[in-house]
């Protein structure tokens, strides 16, 4: 259970360090803050599953003693590709992040 807490702290620490610097720049450039938040969250989740420091890989290795870390990394590759494609789509079509907000309000 303690390893799950460490995984979240890693993401939160990155956000705490980078957000105060990047957020004013993004808003000054005229980008939507919600779009920026979605991009940041997807990037942080991508960082948790990519080697060499992907903490979620070590969590999986701790839970599954039968597989090697190399096999776990091979299993994660499709998700990494999907997340990278998602980031590219959001970069090309940023209105996708705010389209649901317009429907809710």
Protein backbone atom coordinates (compact mmCIF):
# COMPACT_ATOMS: atom_id res chain seq x y z
CA UNK A 1 0.00 0.00 0.00
CA UNK A 2 2.84 2.40 0.72
CA UNK A 3 4.08 2.08 -2.89
CA UNK A 4 0.77 3.45 -4.19
CA UNK A 5 1.26 6.55 -2.06
CA UNK A 6 4.76 7.01 -3.48
CA UNK A 7 3.38 6.83 -7.04
CA UNK A 8 0.93 9.63 -6.34
CA UNK A 9 3.53 11.73 -4.58
CA UNK A 10 5.80 11.56 -7.59
CA UNK A 11 3.11 12.95 -9.89
CA UNK A 12 2.02 15.57 -7.39
CA UNK A 13 5.60 16.71 -6.80
CA UNK A 14 6.13 17.17 -10.53
CA UNK A 15 2.92 19.19 -10.77
CA UNK A 16 3.82 21.32 -7.75
CA UNK A 17 7.20 22.13 -9.25
CA UNK A 18 6.12 22.83 -12.85
CA UNK A 19 2.61 24.27 -12.57
CA UNK A 20 3.49 27.63 -10.99
CA UNK A 21 5.96 28.23 -13.81
CA UNK A 22 3.99 26.91 -16.77
CA UNK A 23 0.44 27.99 -15.92
CA UNK A 24 1.03 31.77 -16.21
CA UNK A 25 2.90 31.22 -19.47
CA UNK A 26 0.11 29.08 -20.94
CA UNK A 27 -2.64 31.53 -19.95
CA UNK A 28 -0.59 34.52 -21.19
CA UNK A 29 -0.25 32.80 -24.56
CA UNK A 30 -4.04 32.45 -24.74
CA UNK A 31 -4.36 28.69 -24.31
CA UNK A 32 -7.32 27.23 -22.44
CA UNK A 33 -6.34 26.26 -18.86
CA UNK A 34 -8.60 23.18 -18.97
CA UNK A 35 -6.82 21.95 -22.11
CA UNK A 36 -3.50 22.49 -20.35
CA UNK A 37 -4.70 20.55 -17.30
CA UNK A 38 -5.78 17.59 -19.42
CA UNK A 39 -2.45 17.59 -21.27
CA UNK A 40 -0.56 17.73 -17.96
CA UNK A 41 -2.53 14.85 -16.44
CA UNK A 42 -2.04 12.64 -19.49
CA UNK A 43 1.68 13.45 -19.51
CA UNK A 44 1.99 12.61 -15.81
CA UNK A 45 0.21 9.30 -16.30
CA UNK A 46 2.45 8.56 -19.26
CA UNK A 47 5.48 9.23 -17.08
CA UNK A 48 4.25 6.67 -14.55
CA UNK A 49 4.20 3.83 -17.09
CA UNK A 50 7.32 4.52 -19.14
CA UNK A 51 10.73 3.12 -18.25
CA UNK A 52 13.26 3.57 -16.74
CA UNK A 53 11.59 5.28 -13.76
CA UNK A 54 7.95 4.40 -14.36
CA UNK A 55 6.80 3.77 -10.83
CA UNK A 56 3.71 1.85 -11.89
CA UNK A 57 5.98 -0.70 -13.59
CA UNK A 58 7.59 -1.43 -10.25
CA UNK A 59 4.19 -1.69 -8.60
CA UNK A 60 3.17 -4.29 -11.18
CA UNK A 61 6.44 -6.15 -10.69
CA UNK A 62 5.80 -6.22 -6.95
CA UNK A 63 2.30 -7.61 -7.48
CA UNK A 64 3.26 -10.16 -10.14
CA UNK A 65 6.33 -12.16 -9.15
CA UNK A 66 6.15 -14.46 -12.19
CA UNK A 67 6.85 -11.89 -14.93
CA UNK A 68 10.08 -10.00 -15.46
CA UNK A 69 10.21 -6.22 -15.71
CA UNK A 70 10.97 -6.59 -19.45
CA UNK A 71 7.73 -8.52 -19.97
CA UNK A 72 5.80 -5.87 -18.06
CA UNK A 73 7.34 -3.12 -20.21
CA UNK A 74 6.36 -5.02 -23.37
CA UNK A 75 2.79 -5.21 -22.07
CA UNK A 76 2.70 -1.47 -21.44
CA UNK A 77 3.90 -0.45 -24.93
CA UNK A 78 0.41 -0.37 -26.54
CA UNK A 79 -0.84 1.92 -23.79
CA UNK A 80 2.13 4.24 -24.23
CA UNK A 81 1.43 4.46 -27.96
CA UNK A 82 -2.26 5.17 -27.33
CA UNK A 83 -1.46 7.89 -24.80
CA UNK A 84 1.03 9.56 -27.17
CA UNK A 85 -1.56 9.48 -29.95
CA UNK A 86 -4.11 10.99 -27.55
CA UNK A 87 -1.72 13.84 -26.71
CA UNK A 88 -1.15 14.49 -30.42
CA UNK A 89 -4.91 14.54 -31.08
CA UNK A 90 -5.44 16.97 -28.21
CA UNK A 91 -2.65 19.18 -29.52
CA UNK A 92 -4.23 19.26 -32.98
CA UNK A 93 -7.84 19.58 -31.77
CA UNK A 94 -7.76 21.37 -28.37
CA UNK A 95 -11.50 22.00 -28.49
CA UNK A 96 -12.06 18.31 -27.72
CA UNK A 97 -11.15 18.98 -24.10
CA UNK A 98 -13.73 21.71 -23.65
CA UNK A 99 -16.57 20.34 -25.77
CA UNK A 100 -18.08 18.44 -22.82
CA UNK A 101 -17.96 21.51 -20.58
CA UNK A 102 -20.18 23.37 -23.02
CA UNK A 103 -22.68 20.50 -22.93
CA UNK A 104 -22.79 20.50 -19.12
CA UNK A 105 -23.30 24.23 -18.60
